[in-house]
Protein backbone atom coordinates (compact mmCIF):
# COMPACT_ATOMS: atom_id res chain seq x y z
CA MET A 1 10.61 6.82 4.73
CA SER A 2 13.10 4.52 3.18
CA LYS A 3 11.03 1.42 3.72
CA LYS A 4 8.54 0.32 1.13
CA VAL A 5 4.96 0.19 2.34
CA PRO A 6 1.67 0.27 0.45
CA ALA A 7 0.92 3.51 -1.36
CA ARG A 8 -1.83 4.50 1.11
CA LEU A 9 0.41 3.87 4.16
CA ARG A 10 3.46 5.46 2.63
CA LEU A 11 1.48 8.56 1.71
CA ALA A 12 0.14 8.90 5.22
CA ALA A 13 3.60 8.68 6.62
CA ALA A 14 4.91 11.21 4.14
CA ALA A 15 2.03 13.63 4.20
CA ALA A 16 3.85 16.33 6.09
CA ALA A 17 6.35 16.59 3.28
CA VAL A 18 5.73 17.17 -0.39
CA LEU A 19 4.23 13.81 -1.26
CA PHE A 20 6.18 11.33 -3.34
CA ALA A 21 9.28 13.51 -3.15
CA THR A 22 10.42 14.09 0.44
CA ALA A 23 8.98 11.12 2.30
CA GLY A 24 12.37 10.28 3.82
CA ALA A 25 12.07 13.10 6.32
CA LEU A 26 8.86 11.98 7.95
CA ASP A 27 7.31 9.56 10.35
CA VAL A 28 5.54 6.63 9.46
CA ALA A 29 4.36 4.79 10.10
CA VAL A 30 -0.02 3.91 10.67
CA ALA A 31 -9.06 6.77 11.03
CA ALA A 32 -10.94 9.73 10.12
CA ALA A 33 -12.64 10.89 13.28
CA PRO A 34 -15.47 8.51 14.14
CA ASP A 35 -18.55 10.48 13.18
CA SER A 36 -21.63 11.21 15.24
CA LYS A 37 -23.55 8.44 13.45
CA SER A 38 -21.06 5.75 14.47
CA ALA A 39 -22.59 2.75 16.21
CA ILE A 40 -19.38 2.36 18.21
CA ALA A 41 -19.40 4.00 21.64
CA TRP A 42 -16.15 5.90 21.15
CA GLN A 43 -14.57 7.64 24.11
CA VAL A 44 -13.01 10.65 22.40
CA ALA A 45 -9.82 11.69 24.21
CA SER A 46 -6.99 14.12 23.55
CA THR A 47 -5.67 14.81 27.06
CA ASP A 48 -4.19 12.65 29.80
CA ALA A 49 -7.25 13.35 31.96
CA GLU A 50 -9.64 12.14 29.26
CA VAL A 51 -7.58 9.01 28.67
CA ASP A 52 -7.44 8.35 32.41
CA ARG A 53 -11.24 8.56 32.57
CA ALA A 54 -11.49 5.94 29.84
CA PHE A 55 -9.18 3.59 31.73
CA ALA A 56 -11.17 4.22 34.92
CA LEU A 57 -14.29 3.12 33.02
CA ALA A 58 -12.39 0.03 31.88
CA ARG A 59 -11.50 -0.87 35.46
CA GLN A 60 -15.09 -0.35 36.58
CA THR A 61 -16.46 -2.60 33.83
CA GLY A 62 -13.59 -5.08 33.69
CA LYS A 63 -13.18 -4.47 29.98
CA PRO A 64 -9.95 -3.98 28.02
CA VAL A 65 -9.23 -0.71 26.21
CA PHE A 66 -8.95 -0.40 22.42
CA LEU A 67 -6.99 2.79 21.66
CA TYR A 68 -7.19 4.11 18.14
CA TRP A 69 -4.75 6.85 17.08
CA GLY A 70 -5.71 8.52 13.79
CA ALA A 71 -6.24 11.73 11.85
CA VAL A 72 -8.93 13.13 9.54
CA TRP A 73 -6.69 13.43 6.46
CA CYS A 74 -4.89 10.09 6.80
CA PRO A 75 -5.69 7.73 3.87
CA PRO A 76 -5.27 4.39 5.70
CA CYS A 77 -7.29 5.82 8.58
CA ASN A 78 -10.15 6.58 6.22
CA GLN A 79 -9.79 3.08 4.81
CA VAL A 80 -10.14 1.61 8.30
CA LYS A 81 -13.21 3.74 8.90
CA ALA A 82 -14.84 2.74 5.62
CA THR A 83 -14.09 -0.97 5.66
CA LEU A 84 -13.61 -2.00 9.31
CA PHE A 85 -15.30 0.32 11.80
CA SER A 86 -18.49 0.29 9.74
CA ARG A 87 -18.80 -3.51 9.80
CA PRO A 88 -21.62 -4.89 11.99
CA ASP A 89 -19.35 -7.64 13.34
CA PHE A 90 -16.75 -5.06 14.43
CA VAL A 91 -19.47 -2.91 16.02
CA GLU A 92 -20.72 -5.98 17.87
CA ARG A 93 -17.18 -6.89 18.98
CA SER A 94 -16.63 -3.32 20.22
CA ARG A 95 -19.09 -3.95 23.04
CA ALA A 96 -16.43 -6.17 24.63
CA PHE A 97 -13.97 -3.29 25.08
CA ILE A 98 -13.75 0.42 25.78
CA PRO A 99 -13.04 2.06 22.40
CA VAL A 100 -10.91 5.21 22.75
CA TYR A 101 -10.29 7.53 19.81
CA VAL A 102 -7.37 9.96 19.95
CA ASP A 103 -7.32 12.43 17.06
CA GLY A 104 -3.72 13.51 16.56
CA ASP A 105 -4.88 16.99 15.62
CA LYS A 106 -6.68 17.77 18.86
CA PRO A 107 -4.94 19.98 21.43
CA GLY A 108 -2.99 17.78 23.81
CA ALA A 109 -3.07 14.72 21.57
CA GLN A 110 0.64 14.74 20.77
CA LYS A 111 1.41 14.55 24.48
CA VAL A 112 -0.90 11.52 24.73
CA ALA A 113 1.01 10.02 21.79
CA ALA A 114 4.25 10.38 23.73
CA ARG A 115 2.66 8.61 26.69
CA PHE A 116 1.63 5.57 24.66
CA LYS A 117 4.51 5.60 22.15
CA VAL A 118 2.34 5.97 19.07
CA THR A 119 3.46 7.99 16.07
CA GLY A 120 2.26 6.80 12.67
CA TYR A 121 -1.40 6.98 11.70
CA PRO A 122 -3.22 4.70 12.19
CA THR A 123 -1.99 2.86 15.27
CA MET A 124 -4.36 0.58 17.17
CA VAL A 125 -3.37 -0.76 20.59
CA LEU A 126 -5.17 -3.15 22.92
CA PHE A 127 -4.65 -2.63 26.67
CA ARG A 128 -5.75 -4.45 29.77
CA ALA A 129 -7.99 -2.48 32.11
CA ASP A 130 -4.96 -1.87 34.35
CA GLY A 131 -3.19 -0.03 31.51
CA SER A 132 -0.69 -2.72 30.53
CA GLU A 133 -0.32 -3.15 26.77
CA VAL A 134 -1.44 -6.48 25.27
CA THR A 135 -0.87 -6.08 21.52
CA ARG A 136 -0.73 -3.67 18.58
CA LEU A 137 -3.11 -4.52 15.78
CA PRO A 138 -2.11 -4.54 12.09
CA GLY A 139 -3.77 -1.99 9.84
CA GLU A 140 -2.67 -3.65 6.59
CA VAL A 141 -4.58 -6.94 6.80
CA ASP A 142 -8.08 -7.58 5.49
CA PRO A 143 -11.00 -6.96 7.90
CA GLU A 144 -11.67 -10.68 8.47
CA ARG A 145 -8.07 -11.33 9.52
CA TYR A 146 -8.12 -8.16 11.61
CA LEU A 147 -11.17 -9.34 13.54
CA LEU A 148 -9.55 -12.71 14.19
CA THR A 149 -6.42 -10.99 15.48
CA LEU A 150 -8.52 -8.64 17.61
CA SER A 151 -10.36 -11.61 19.11
CA SER A 152 -7.06 -13.33 19.86
CA GLY A 153 -5.87 -10.18 21.60
CA LEU A 154 -9.05 -9.86 23.63
CA ASP A 155 -8.84 -13.50 24.67
CA SER A 156 -5.12 -13.42 25.42
CA GLN A 157 -4.02 -13.48 29.02
CA VAL A 158 -0.41 -12.84 28.04
CA PRO A 159 0.94 -9.60 26.47
CA VAL A 160 2.92 -9.87 23.23
CA ARG A 161 6.07 -8.72 25.02
CA GLU A 162 5.90 -11.77 27.29
CA LEU A 163 4.94 -14.10 24.43
CA VAL A 164 8.13 -13.09 22.60
CA GLN A 165 10.21 -13.89 25.67
CA ARG A 166 8.50 -17.27 26.10
CA ALA A 167 8.90 -18.19 22.44
CA ILE A 168 12.59 -17.32 22.31
CA ALA A 169 13.08 -19.35 25.51
CA HIS A 170 11.43 -22.30 23.67
CA LYS A 171 8.46 -22.44 25.99
CA THR A 172 5.17 -23.78 24.66
CA LEU A 173 2.74 -21.36 23.03
CA THR A 174 -0.75 -22.11 21.80
CA PRO A 175 -1.48 -21.81 18.06
CA GLU A 176 -3.50 -18.63 18.77
CA GLN A 177 -0.57 -17.12 20.66
CA TRP A 178 1.71 -17.85 17.71
CA ARG A 179 -0.79 -16.18 15.37
CA LEU A 180 -0.92 -13.17 17.67
CA LEU A 181 2.85 -12.82 17.20
CA ALA A 182 2.64 -13.33 13.45
CA PHE A 183 -0.03 -10.66 13.06
CA TYR A 184 1.35 -8.22 15.61
CA SER A 185 1.86 -4.77 14.09
CA TRP A 186 5.66 -4.82 14.12
CA ASP A 187 5.70 -1.72 11.88
CA THR A 188 4.10 0.38 14.65
CA ASP A 189 5.87 -1.30 17.59
CA GLU A 190 7.95 1.83 18.34
CA GLN A 191 10.44 -0.42 20.19
CA GLN A 192 7.88 -1.41 22.80
CA VAL A 193 8.58 -5.12 22.31
CA VAL A 194 11.75 -5.28 20.19
CA LYS A 195 14.41 -2.69 19.43
CA THR A 196 14.33 -1.62 15.79
CA ALA A 197 17.96 -2.61 15.25
CA GLU A 198 17.20 -6.14 16.49
CA LEU A 199 13.86 -6.63 14.73
CA GLY A 200 15.12 -8.78 11.86
CA SER A 201 17.09 -11.16 14.07
CA ARG A 202 14.34 -11.40 16.69
CA LEU A 203 11.68 -12.22 14.12
CA SER A 204 13.95 -14.87 12.63
CA GLU A 205 14.38 -16.39 16.09
CA LEU A 206 10.63 -16.47 16.50
CA ALA A 207 10.17 -18.06 13.07
CA ALA A 208 12.71 -20.75 13.89
CA ALA A 209 10.78 -21.63 17.05
CA VAL A 210 7.38 -22.02 15.34
CA PRO A 211 6.04 -25.59 15.45
CA PRO A 212 6.17 -27.43 12.08
CA ASP A 213 2.40 -27.63 11.79
CA LEU A 214 2.09 -23.82 11.74
CA SER A 215 3.87 -23.21 8.43
CA THR A 216 1.79 -20.11 7.59
CA VAL A 217 2.87 -18.48 10.85
CA LYS A 218 6.51 -19.39 10.18
CA ASP A 219 6.36 -17.96 6.66
CA ARG A 220 4.81 -14.73 7.87
CA LEU A 221 7.41 -14.18 10.59
CA ASN A 222 10.21 -15.02 8.14
CA LEU A 223 8.91 -12.51 5.58
CA LYS A 224 8.60 -9.85 8.28
CA ALA A 225 12.18 -10.61 9.34
CA ILE A 226 13.47 -10.33 5.76
CA ALA A 227 11.58 -7.06 5.30
CA ALA A 228 13.20 -5.68 8.45
CA ARG A 229 16.65 -6.58 7.14
CA ALA A 230 15.78 -5.10 3.75
CA ARG A 231 14.99 -1.78 5.44
CA ALA A 232 18.10 -1.76 7.63
CA GLU A 233 20.77 0.75 6.73
CA ASN A 234 23.74 -1.44 7.62
CA LYS A 235 25.51 -3.57 5.00
CA PRO A 236 23.74 -6.94 4.71
CA ASP A 237 25.48 -10.18 5.63
CA GLN A 238 25.78 -12.20 2.42
CA ALA A 239 25.22 -15.54 4.13
CA LYS A 240 22.00 -14.20 5.61
CA VAL A 241 20.96 -12.76 2.21
CA ASP A 242 21.51 -16.18 0.62
CA ALA A 243 19.43 -17.89 3.32
CA ASP A 244 16.69 -15.30 2.93
CA ARG A 245 16.71 -15.77 -0.83
CA ALA A 246 16.26 -19.52 -0.42
CA MET A 247 13.28 -18.95 1.87
CA VAL A 248 11.67 -16.50 -0.57
CA ASP A 249 12.28 -18.76 -3.56
CA SER A 250 10.58 -21.62 -1.72
CA LEU A 251 7.60 -19.47 -0.79
CA LEU A 252 7.14 -18.06 -4.29
CA ALA A 253 7.28 -21.56 -5.75
CA SER A 254 4.31 -22.65 -3.62
CA SER A 255 0.95 -21.30 -4.78
CA GLU A 256 -0.59 -22.12 -1.41
CA ALA A 257 2.16 -20.41 0.60
CA ALA A 258 2.16 -17.36 -1.67
CA ARG A 259 -1.61 -17.05 -1.44
CA ALA A 260 -1.46 -17.16 2.37
CA GLN A 261 1.05 -14.28 2.39
CA SER A 262 -0.38 -12.28 -0.50
CA ASP A 263 -0.72 -9.13 1.62
CA LEU A 264 2.99 -9.25 2.47
CA LEU A 265 3.96 -9.98 -1.12
CA ILE A 266 2.22 -6.74 -2.01
CA LEU A 267 3.54 -4.87 1.01
CA TYR A 268 7.22 -5.75 0.71
CA ALA A 269 7.77 -6.48 -2.99
CA GLU A 270 10.12 -3.62 -3.84
CA PRO A 271 12.42 -3.55 -0.78
CA ILE A 272 12.83 -7.32 -0.55
CA VAL A 273 13.59 -7.73 -4.25
CA LYS A 274 16.21 -4.95 -4.04
CA TYR A 275 17.71 -6.54 -0.92
CA LEU A 276 17.87 -10.10 -2.27
CA ALA A 277 19.09 -9.28 -5.78
CA ARG A 278 21.72 -6.57 -6.03
CA ALA A 279 22.80 -7.29 -9.60
CA LEU A 280 20.41 -5.90 -12.22
CA GLU A 281 20.06 -9.18 -14.13
CA ALA A 282 19.31 -11.16 -10.98
CA ARG A 283 16.92 -8.45 -9.82
CA ALA A 284 15.04 -8.54 -13.10
CA ALA A 285 14.64 -12.31 -12.86
CA LEU A 286 13.43 -12.23 -9.25
CA ALA A 287 11.04 -9.37 -9.99
CA SER A 288 9.43 -11.38 -12.78
CA ILE A 289 9.03 -14.43 -10.54
CA TRP A 290 7.63 -12.30 -7.68
CA ASP A 291 5.19 -10.54 -10.00
CA GLY A 292 3.91 -13.83 -11.37
CA ALA A 293 3.45 -15.34 -7.92
CA MET A 294 1.77 -12.19 -6.64
CA GLU A 295 -0.61 -12.08 -9.61
CA LYS A 296 -1.72 -15.68 -8.98
CA ALA A 297 -2.07 -15.09 -5.25
CA MET A 298 -4.18 -11.98 -5.80
CA ALA A 299 -6.48 -13.83 -8.18
CA ALA A 300 -7.17 -16.39 -5.46
CA ARG A 301 -8.81 -13.96 -3.04
CA PRO A 302 -10.86 -10.77 -3.33
CA LEU A 303 -8.90 -7.56 -2.72
CA SER A 304 -10.28 -4.34 -1.33
CA ARG A 305 -10.03 -1.36 -3.63
CA ALA A 306 -7.17 0.07 -1.55
CA GLU A 307 -5.34 -3.26 -1.81
CA GLN A 308 -5.81 -3.25 -5.57
CA ILE A 309 -4.10 0.13 -5.74
CA ASP A 310 -1.33 -1.09 -3.42
CA ALA A 311 -0.83 -4.09 -5.69
CA LEU A 312 -0.58 -1.82 -8.73
CA ASP A 313 1.98 0.28 -6.88
CA SER A 314 4.14 -2.77 -6.21
CA ARG A 315 3.69 -4.12 -9.72
CA VAL A 316 4.89 -0.85 -11.23
CA ALA A 317 8.09 -1.18 -9.18
CA LEU A 318 8.48 -4.85 -10.15
CA TRP A 319 7.94 -4.09 -13.85
CA LYS A 320 10.64 -1.43 -13.73
CA PHE A 321 13.02 -3.99 -12.22
CA ALA A 322 12.01 -6.68 -14.71
CA ASP A 323 12.37 -4.38 -17.73
CA ARG A 324 15.47 -2.66 -16.28
CA THR A 325 14.09 0.79 -16.92
CA GLU A 326 12.57 3.67 -14.99
CA LYS A 327 10.06 4.28 -17.77
CA LEU A 328 7.27 1.78 -18.23
CA ALA A 329 6.55 0.40 -21.67
CA PRO A 330 3.45 2.05 -23.21
CA GLN A 331 1.33 -1.08 -22.86
CA ARG A 332 2.19 -1.40 -19.18
CA ALA A 333 1.44 2.28 -18.56
CA GLN A 334 -1.90 1.92 -20.34
CA SER A 335 -2.70 -1.11 -18.20
CA VAL A 336 -1.98 0.90 -15.04
CA TYR A 337 -4.19 3.76 -16.23
CA THR A 338 -7.07 1.44 -17.08
CA ASP A 339 -6.91 -0.35 -13.73
CA VAL A 340 -6.69 2.91 -11.79
CA GLN A 341 -9.69 4.32 -13.61
CA ARG A 342 -11.69 1.18 -12.87
CA VAL A 343 -10.85 1.10 -9.15
CA VAL A 344 -11.49 4.81 -8.63
CA ALA A 345 -14.83 4.59 -10.44
CA GLN A 346 -15.87 1.70 -8.19
CA THR A 347 -15.00 3.60 -5.02
CA THR A 348 -18.09 5.52 -3.97
CA ASP A 349 -17.67 5.83 -0.19
CA ARG A 350 -16.28 9.29 0.61
CA TYR A 351 -13.90 8.06 3.29
CA GLU A 352 -12.65 5.17 1.19
CA ARG A 353 -11.96 7.63 -1.64
CA GLN A 354 -9.70 9.56 0.74
CA ALA A 355 -7.65 6.38 0.94
CA VAL A 356 -7.86 5.30 -2.69
CA VAL A 357 -7.56 8.49 -4.77
CA PRO A 358 -4.25 9.95 -3.46
CA SER A 359 -2.66 6.51 -3.64
CA ALA A 360 -4.01 5.98 -7.14
CA ALA A 361 -2.58 9.36 -8.17
CA HIS A 362 0.80 8.30 -6.79
CA VAL A 363 0.68 5.09 -8.83
CA LEU A 364 -0.07 7.10 -11.97
CA THR A 365 2.90 9.35 -11.26
CA SER A 366 5.16 6.32 -10.71
CA ALA A 367 3.97 4.95 -14.04
CA GLY A 368 4.99 8.20 -15.77
CA LEU A 369 1.41 9.44 -16.13
CA VAL A 370 1.88 12.73 -14.31
CA GLN A 371 -0.77 14.67 -16.24
CA GLU A 372 -3.31 11.95 -15.54
CA SER A 373 -2.30 12.03 -11.87
CA ASP A 374 -2.85 15.79 -11.76
CA ALA A 375 -6.25 15.46 -13.42
CA LEU A 376 -7.36 12.83 -10.91
CA LEU A 377 -6.29 14.91 -7.90
CA LYS A 378 -7.82 18.14 -9.20
CA THR A 379 -11.12 16.45 -10.01
CA GLU A 380 -11.27 15.04 -6.48
CA LEU A 381 -10.55 18.31 -4.65
CA PRO A 382 -14.18 19.54 -4.35
CA ARG A 383 -15.44 16.39 -2.66
CA ALA A 384 -12.37 15.15 -0.77
CA VAL A 385 -12.54 14.60 3.00
CA ALA A 386 -9.27 16.52 3.33
CA PRO A 387 -8.45 18.27 0.02
CA TYR A 388 -5.28 19.78 1.45
CA TYR A 389 -3.81 16.27 1.44
CA HIS A 390 -4.38 15.97 -2.30
CA MET A 391 -2.73 19.36 -2.81
CA LEU A 392 0.54 17.91 -1.57
CA GLY A 393 0.36 15.37 -4.37
CA LEU A 394 -0.13 18.21 -6.85
CA ALA A 395 2.87 19.99 -5.34
CA ALA A 396 5.01 16.87 -5.72
CA ASN A 397 3.94 16.39 -9.33
CA ALA A 398 4.80 20.01 -10.11
CA LYS A 399 8.20 19.60 -8.49
CA ALA A 400 8.86 16.38 -10.42
CA ARG A 401 8.34 18.15 -13.76
CA GLY A 402 10.50 21.11 -12.73
CA ASP A 403 7.68 23.57 -12.09
CA LYS A 404 9.05 25.27 -8.98
CA ALA A 405 6.41 27.99 -8.90
CA GLY A 406 3.62 25.44 -9.15
CA ALA A 407 5.18 23.24 -6.48
CA LEU A 408 5.41 26.14 -4.04
CA GLN A 409 1.92 27.38 -4.88
CA TRP A 410 0.31 24.00 -4.16
CA SER A 411 2.48 23.42 -1.09
CA GLU A 412 1.53 26.79 0.38
CA GLN A 413 -2.13 26.30 -0.46
CA ALA A 414 -2.11 22.88 1.20
CA TRP A 415 -0.66 24.41 4.38
CA ARG A 416 -3.05 27.35 4.49
CA LYS A 417 -6.10 25.14 3.97
CA SER A 418 -5.00 22.39 6.37
CA GLU A 419 -6.91 21.92 9.61
CA GLY A 420 -5.87 20.99 13.12
CA PRO A 421 -2.77 22.20 15.00
CA ALA A 422 -0.59 19.13 14.40
CA THR A 423 -1.41 18.95 10.70
CA ARG A 424 -0.99 22.69 10.21
CA LEU A 425 2.42 22.50 11.84
CA GLN A 426 3.51 19.54 9.72
CA TRP A 427 2.21 21.05 6.50
CA GLY A 428 3.68 24.44 7.41
CA THR A 429 7.17 23.15 8.16
CA SER A 430 6.98 21.09 4.96
CA TYR A 431 6.21 24.29 3.04
CA VAL A 432 9.18 26.04 4.67
CA ARG A 433 11.48 23.21 3.61
CA SER A 434 10.11 23.46 0.06
CA VAL A 435 10.80 27.21 0.00
CA ILE A 436 14.37 26.57 1.18
CA GLN A 437 14.93 23.82 -1.39
CA LEU A 438 13.34 25.55 -4.37
CA THR A 439 14.10 29.24 -3.75
CA PRO A 440 17.12 29.29 -1.43
CA ASP A 441 18.19 32.77 -2.53
CA ASP A 442 14.87 34.35 -1.56
CA SER A 443 15.64 35.16 2.08
CA THR A 444 12.52 37.27 2.41
CA ARG A 445 10.30 34.37 1.42
CA VAL A 446 12.13 31.95 3.74
CA ALA A 447 11.76 34.37 6.66
CA ALA A 448 8.09 34.99 5.94
CA ALA A 449 7.22 31.29 5.62
CA ALA A 450 9.06 30.16 8.75
CA GLY A 451 7.86 33.19 10.71
CA ALA A 452 4.24 32.43 9.83
CA VAL A 453 4.61 28.83 11.02
CA ILE A 454 6.09 29.93 14.35
CA ALA A 455 3.39 32.59 14.75
CA ASP A 456 0.77 29.85 14.36
CA LEU A 457 2.08 27.88 17.35
CA GLU A 458 -0.15 27.70 20.39
CA PRO A 459 1.85 28.65 23.51
CA ARG A 460 0.84 25.47 25.34
CA GLY A 461 3.14 22.81 26.72
CA GLU A 462 1.46 20.00 24.78
CA THR A 463 2.27 21.77 21.51
CA PHE A 464 5.90 20.68 21.76
CA PHE A 465 5.67 16.90 21.82
CA GLU A 466 6.04 14.03 19.35
CA ARG A 467 5.50 14.81 15.66
CA ASN A 468 4.99 18.52 16.44
CA GLN A 469 8.41 18.62 18.02
CA ARG A 470 10.01 16.59 15.24
CA SER A 471 8.47 18.84 12.59
CA LEU A 472 9.92 21.93 14.27
CA GLN A 473 13.32 20.33 14.69
CA ARG A 474 13.45 19.32 11.04
CA MET A 475 12.57 22.86 10.02
CA ALA A 476 15.24 24.26 12.34
CA THR A 477 17.80 21.84 10.93
CA GLU A 478 16.97 22.90 7.37
CA LEU A 479 17.25 26.54 8.37
CA ALA A 480 20.65 25.93 10.00
CA LYS A 481 21.93 24.24 6.84
CA TRP A 482 20.49 27.02 4.70
CA GLN A 483 22.14 29.67 6.87
CA GLY A 484 25.68 28.36 6.44
CA ASN A 485 28.19 31.18 6.77
CA ASP A 486 26.04 33.80 5.07
CA PRO A 487 25.60 36.85 7.39
CA ALA A 488 22.29 37.87 5.79
CA ARG A 489 20.83 34.40 6.22
CA GLU A 490 22.19 34.22 9.76
CA LYS A 491 20.26 37.38 10.57
CA VAL A 492 17.04 35.71 9.36
CA VAL A 493 17.62 32.60 11.48
CA VAL A 494 18.52 34.65 14.57
CA GLY A 495 15.26 36.54 14.17
CA LEU A 496 13.29 33.28 13.90
CA ARG A 497 15.02 31.92 17.02
CA LYS A 498 14.05 35.03 18.94
CA GLN A 499 10.47 34.70 17.71
CA LEU A 500 10.26 31.08 18.94
CA THR A 501 11.92 32.04 22.23
CA ARG A 502 9.12 34.53 22.88
CA THR A 503 6.60 31.70 22.42
CA CYS A 504 8.58 29.41 24.73
CA SER A 505 8.71 32.09 27.42
CA LYS A 506 4.91 32.05 27.70
CA LEU A 507 5.05 28.52 29.12
CA PRO A 508 5.61 27.73 32.83
CA ALA A 509 9.29 27.52 33.70
CA LYS A 510 9.20 23.84 34.73
CA ASP A 511 6.87 22.67 31.98
CA ALA A 512 8.38 19.83 29.90
CA GLY A 513 6.88 21.46 26.84
CA ARG A 514 8.92 24.61 27.48
CA THR A 515 12.10 22.54 27.65
CA ASN A 516 11.19 20.93 24.33
CA CYS A 517 10.40 24.33 22.83
CA GLU A 518 13.71 25.81 23.89
CA SER A 519 15.60 22.82 22.48
CA VAL A 520 14.33 23.21 18.90
CA PHE A 521 17.07 25.41 17.49
CA ALA A 522 19.66 24.17 19.98
CA SER A 523 19.27 20.62 18.68
CA ALA A 524 19.49 21.85 15.10
CA THR A 525 22.76 23.66 15.82
CA GLN A 526 24.25 20.56 17.46
CA SER A 527 23.27 18.34 14.54
């Protein structure tokens, strides 16, 4: 992705590609499967019928539905499991709703994802018993704030979509309704409330309508709006940039305001600084101010271990801006290494380590400590929840130092050891893209890699939805580009198309999945 998010969220979004190197091609986004010892009465669902049964139970009991969309390998999902779902107060609160867990790797789950418009792991959505969506809950906030937001959602009689309409129309909202808007998970909205292209302007409208006595809410919505504009691909309006800069300067100058938004200062440091300060000298100055404000804000509240790594990730980026170099000074690099070692050593929960270690390895790589990053990942492999995720980090490190053979070896190993149909497909198509990028002249290897991925597809309609479908289309697009006007390469791609067509033909003629299957290479040709 182009947007800057914490290391653990960015890695989850980029996991289907070679980590740290090809994240732009993947979904975001935003737990590990609730285990049998969980005190939460999860309704595990991966098909429409199973989800419908959960909503039927909600109607019978009059309870809302809490839908949790996650995956076993996903770092922020494991963080949620370790630090939120295990909390007694969350377990107690869960008795007020029907908790539904949808594992994105279960057969049929990607079709369920299409139904509810969820993509990035983790996504957490609160529904009324009748199936109408109330709110999407933020995965980046601390557990205490999360529980407050969850309670607000459970108590709310008005969905976020309607609250936005009321606020923009200048109708009165309660303080709790304003907080529900401020802590809505705009990053996983998937255009359910606001179109992505309009997100910055809409959030600014909301911020302008916030009552004066809710300054923390106003600041949060303003920062979210600025972050949305920072991520936009269109050329920024200079007048708006200047206004945004004034707002940020004011916030950074206030210790109280900065402390209240410390999670967003960590979350959006790099993209907002780049957006607000285009000139290198101005960027260096703003980065230094931001880093100082963030350091003070972080000292004022305890951070989880994952947040500490996220903060290091942002500080590395800020230090590079401040020093106007891509290579950290030795003392800064040593500071990063020391802090990473401390945080990793303190992280003893297995699920939390799945969140912390890959992100920590990424921070080491960003700091120029690639060997140390490799050592951390390799040491963790034997006890990792999902070691194949760590292997992608090793592949990315190998690629970064020009070791093509090592990059392909780790990428292939990650795919072959990955588990679950959706993950295997993502990892497999990522490996194919790596083969194309690193050994484009080896047609035999390209054909073998892509053919093996297609052979692994289950001939079921639900196979060809959401991230499965996007993974296949990206692979097909890469193959079309690779083919070019070369007759030998064209022969390879034609053979792969025929192979996929045979899989598509096993599906019922009117199945939507078959239509999606048959469109894979057609869409690639058109693009």
